[in-house]
């Protein structure tokens, strides 16, 4: 399905930029992020041949930034939301700086919830009027399936996003909207650099382009998609094995990331 206009958060690099490049050229773009130079460069790249590409420089960790994105998306009449922005910080909760912990909650939880609540009613109304469907992709994580000591707040925020997305999809099952929780594992992006983590050498890393392509492919066909067979099998195991065992195993794995 081709959407009229897509909102992509965290679009300046990584999976967000990959989504922007993967969407059909007939889809207009509203790109948001904090890196003005990268965002403007991407907009220039994708805005050739008259394609409408708008940018909003906004910090989703702030209420003002979230409202700026919602306002711009409302004007653009987006019919596809891709909540991709997310941040993590490795370390024990008591060792991480308080602002960093709060920032993870605001960006990973508050932003997608506020954006969806602010835009979905109008998206549904426009879809019904035009006889089409709208869409939402929430980029969660393979980390959403287990408690993760030393990555506690990040993993918990992605668990929230996974459960929220599945519940929202059920609530909207009779409405003209497709909703997907996309759960990538380790991906070749700037995430590890920003999280203060060296890229794990023994972990299979997927390309951002693959993650974006699978997200668009599964939207409308699934409510949850885990990228990669290894991550999928791990997600099943984390649901079935005793929680204490899963938590201890996650901690052992994350110790190698420092």
Foldseek 3Di string as FASTA:
>chain_A
DAWAEEEFEPLLWFLNVLLVVPHDLNYAYEYEEQDVVSQVVSCVVSCPPNRHYHYDRAQQLDPVRLVSSLVVCVVVLGQEYELDDAAFAFAAPVPDDPVVLSSRCRNLPVNVVCSCVSRVVSSQVVCVVVVAAGEYEYEAALLCLAQAGRGHSNNVSSVVVLVVQVVVCVVCVVTRYWTAYQHEYAEPICRCVRNVWDDQPPDDYHYSNQSSVVRVVCGVPDHYDYPDPVSVVVSVCSNPDDRVVRHVVNHVVCVSGD
